[in-house]
Amino acid sequence: MKIIKNEPATLAEKSCRISRYLRHPQTVNEKRINSTIKKPFKFYPKELIGELAVFIFGSFQCNKFLQGTCVPCFYSGFPHSKKQKKDIYNALLKQTKYILNNFNKLVIKHQKKNCYEYNLYRRFKNKGLNILLLTGEGSFFADHEIPQAYRNKILNSVWKHALKNKLNLQVQCEAKAEDILNAEKKGEFKEYKKLAKDLNLTLEIGLESANDFSRNTIYAKDLQLKDFEKAINITKKHSLITDAFVFCGFHSMTEKEILDDVKKTIDYLREKNIGIRLMFPNIQRHTINHLLYHYKKYNLIDIRTARELIRYLIFNNNKNNYNYIKGQDWILGGLVSNPTPLLTIFNNPNALSCKKCCRMFEQAIYKLVKTYDPETFERYLKQMKKCKCEKKYQAFLSQAPKKPLQERVKNNLEFADKLKKDYLALKSLKTS
């Protein structure tokens, strides 16, 4: 791919500017409540354990959201409190207390009584395992969202609850690479040395792509690969389980380019012995991706592209790699979210694949995330190969783009810039 010098940075800046404009109604007209937030926001993606309990602490908006980076994201579409900063931070402990006081209802009842497929430390032998994910709107380790003193109290509260109730836990925390670097400078991870083992403390770091242009120009991640590598070296130094988010829905790319980009990122992470959390795209309002989708300049990846990426994950897996899921180094994500997306790859009306195949693939993928059984996954997909939309997809996949990728990105951003006012005037945005 030919890259014109300095233009990627200019395109990234333009992308961020457009995203800030599209997100502006949310930052100005956001729901502001008079009380503090007493319960974290939550959702339950299906995984091998049953349903993973994801808790999003309510405090302040993600800085990246306000800066306009991470263009497909609308994770900060939550209500916020009008209270003083001190009260908002103290409410984080109330949210933690709510989780722990209702742990059986919020976590345990959503998960299997026992799940031995996980290669995790169990302090209490012959007892079950439970997994929960903790994050702020952007990162559990972002000081403006969850200050260090409060992170420490939250993790220690969870640890004490686990010991008191004889629970074997894995606590996953979403984190940005820059926040990990900052935490290391302050010696924060040394404070978690004792609890990290008992809680199987796991950091989920956003990478999105190993390719600089995909990551920092199209996605506008604002992350240098060297900083990501510094972050994973820190997590390894402290013996923390580490996964990386990989995105597979970049605008302006062809399906083949996405396949190539994601496969290379998977290879890169496997060389680093980092777990892979493959994130399927969805459509969130107030994003460049939604604008381009609405005006037919972008489409979600087809389920058959997702199928090939999953096959690559399964059959190119280095089973000698250490990972907490025995024999595997991957997790599938982005299937459900909070806020609820407008569209997913399963219900996309503009999909190449027919509705029957989309329903079939949805069943197959949920079966896979609950069993990690590739043979069952393949059996579910046999009928898809016989459908006439298989040939339609293969023909589409073989089409070469008429313009270089950088030019396509530039054209799409120029289009989004011109249509951004019309987009925000859409009635569907005002009623969604």
Foldseek 3Di string as FASTA:
>chain_A
DDDDPPVLVVLLLLQQVLLLLLCVCCVVVPAEDAAADQAFDWDWDQFQFQTATEGAQAADADPCSNSRFQFQDPLRNHYHYPDDNVRNQVSSVSNLVVCLVCVCVRWVVRGDQADPLFQADQPQPPGHETEYEYAYSQWNLDCSRHNLVRSLVSLVVVLVSCVVVVYQAAYETEHELVSLVVCVVVVSLVSCLVVCRSHLYEYEYEDQFPDCSQCCRQSVPPDDPVSVVVSVVSCVVSPHQYAYEHEQFGFLDALLVSLVGRLVRVVVCVVVLHAYAYAFGFHAGSGLQNVCVVVVRGDGHALVSVVVSVCSQLVVADQVRDDRRHSHRYAYHNPADPVGGPGGNLPGPPHLADNVLSVLLVVLVSVCSNPVDVVSSVVSCPVVCVDPSVVVVVVSNPDDDPDDSVVSSVVSSVVSVVCVVVSVPDPVVVVD
